[in-house]
Protein backbone atom coordinates (compact mmCIF):
# COMPACT_ATOMS: atom_id res chain seq x y z
CA UNK A 1 0.00 0.00 0.00
CA UNK A 2 1.51 3.36 -0.94
CA UNK A 3 1.79 5.78 1.93
CA UNK A 4 -0.16 8.99 1.55
CA UNK A 5 1.65 12.23 2.18
CA UNK A 6 0.23 15.57 3.20
CA UNK A 7 0.59 18.58 0.96
CA UNK A 8 2.11 20.48 3.89
CA UNK A 9 3.94 18.69 6.73
CA UNK A 10 3.06 19.33 10.38
CA UNK A 11 5.86 20.39 12.71
CA UNK A 12 5.54 19.13 16.28
CA UNK A 13 7.59 20.71 19.08
CA UNK A 14 8.71 18.50 21.96
CA UNK A 15 10.40 21.29 23.95
CA UNK A 16 13.94 20.30 24.93
CA UNK A 17 13.68 17.14 22.80
CA UNK A 18 13.43 19.18 19.61
CA UNK A 19 11.03 19.33 16.70
CA UNK A 20 9.68 16.54 14.54
CA UNK A 21 8.27 16.93 11.03
CA UNK A 22 5.29 14.69 10.28
CA UNK A 23 4.60 14.13 6.57
CA UNK A 24 1.48 11.96 6.52
CA UNK A 25 -1.03 9.84 8.41
CA UNK A 26 1.34 6.88 8.85
CA UNK A 27 3.96 9.02 10.61
CA UNK A 28 1.24 10.78 12.61
CA UNK A 29 -0.25 7.49 13.77
CA UNK A 30 3.19 6.22 14.80
CA UNK A 31 3.79 9.38 16.84
CA UNK A 32 0.32 9.27 18.40
CA UNK A 33 0.79 5.62 19.34
CA UNK A 34 4.40 5.61 20.52
CA UNK A 35 5.38 9.05 21.81
CA UNK A 36 2.31 11.12 22.57
CA UNK A 37 2.43 12.83 25.99
CA UNK A 38 -1.30 12.62 26.83
CA UNK A 39 -3.38 9.78 25.40
CA UNK A 40 -6.69 10.90 26.87
CA UNK A 41 -7.77 14.01 25.03
CA UNK A 42 -10.71 13.94 22.64
CA UNK A 43 -8.64 15.38 19.77
CA UNK A 44 -5.98 12.73 20.35
CA UNK A 45 -8.60 9.96 20.10
CA UNK A 46 -10.18 11.48 16.99
CA UNK A 47 -6.79 12.03 15.29
CA UNK A 48 -5.74 8.45 15.92
CA UNK A 49 -9.02 7.17 14.47
CA UNK A 50 -8.94 9.42 11.39
CA UNK A 51 -5.28 8.59 10.68
CA UNK A 52 -6.16 4.88 10.74
CA UNK A 53 -9.11 5.55 8.43
CA UNK A 54 -6.88 7.51 6.04
CA UNK A 55 -4.45 4.60 5.88
CA UNK A 56 -7.35 2.27 5.08
CA UNK A 57 -8.66 4.64 2.39
CA UNK A 58 -11.85 5.49 4.28
CA UNK A 59 -10.83 9.13 4.91
CA UNK A 60 -8.58 11.50 3.03
CA UNK A 61 -5.02 12.23 4.13
CA UNK A 62 -5.93 15.91 4.48
CA UNK A 63 -8.78 15.07 6.88
CA UNK A 64 -6.22 13.18 8.94
CA UNK A 65 -3.90 16.18 8.84
CA UNK A 66 -6.62 18.50 10.14
CA UNK A 67 -7.42 16.16 13.03
CA UNK A 68 -3.74 15.65 13.80
CA UNK A 69 -3.20 19.42 13.95
CA UNK A 70 -6.04 19.67 16.47
CA UNK A 71 -4.39 16.97 18.59
CA UNK A 72 -1.09 18.87 18.40
CA UNK A 73 -2.83 21.99 19.68
CA UNK A 74 -4.66 20.05 22.38
CA UNK A 75 -1.35 18.64 23.65
CA UNK A 76 0.28 22.08 23.38
CA UNK A 77 2.96 20.75 21.04
CA UNK A 78 2.52 23.45 18.39
CA UNK A 79 5.36 25.75 17.40
CA UNK A 80 5.11 29.32 18.62
């Protein structure tokens, strides 16, 4: 299965640990699953679900990007 990429990557700031550039739903799902600081927020749950759906072809990659950006904001990992 070819991996979908976003038209514009999402930059996630982890404070002292640096910044990570996420290019698509596969990378976003890996980050949400393995390294996310708070796995309880509603935007986190929705982003994880929509990223999975985008990988399965049930949602568009850009829908996944929008939800992922909301999860980034919810976790206060956005760049200032």
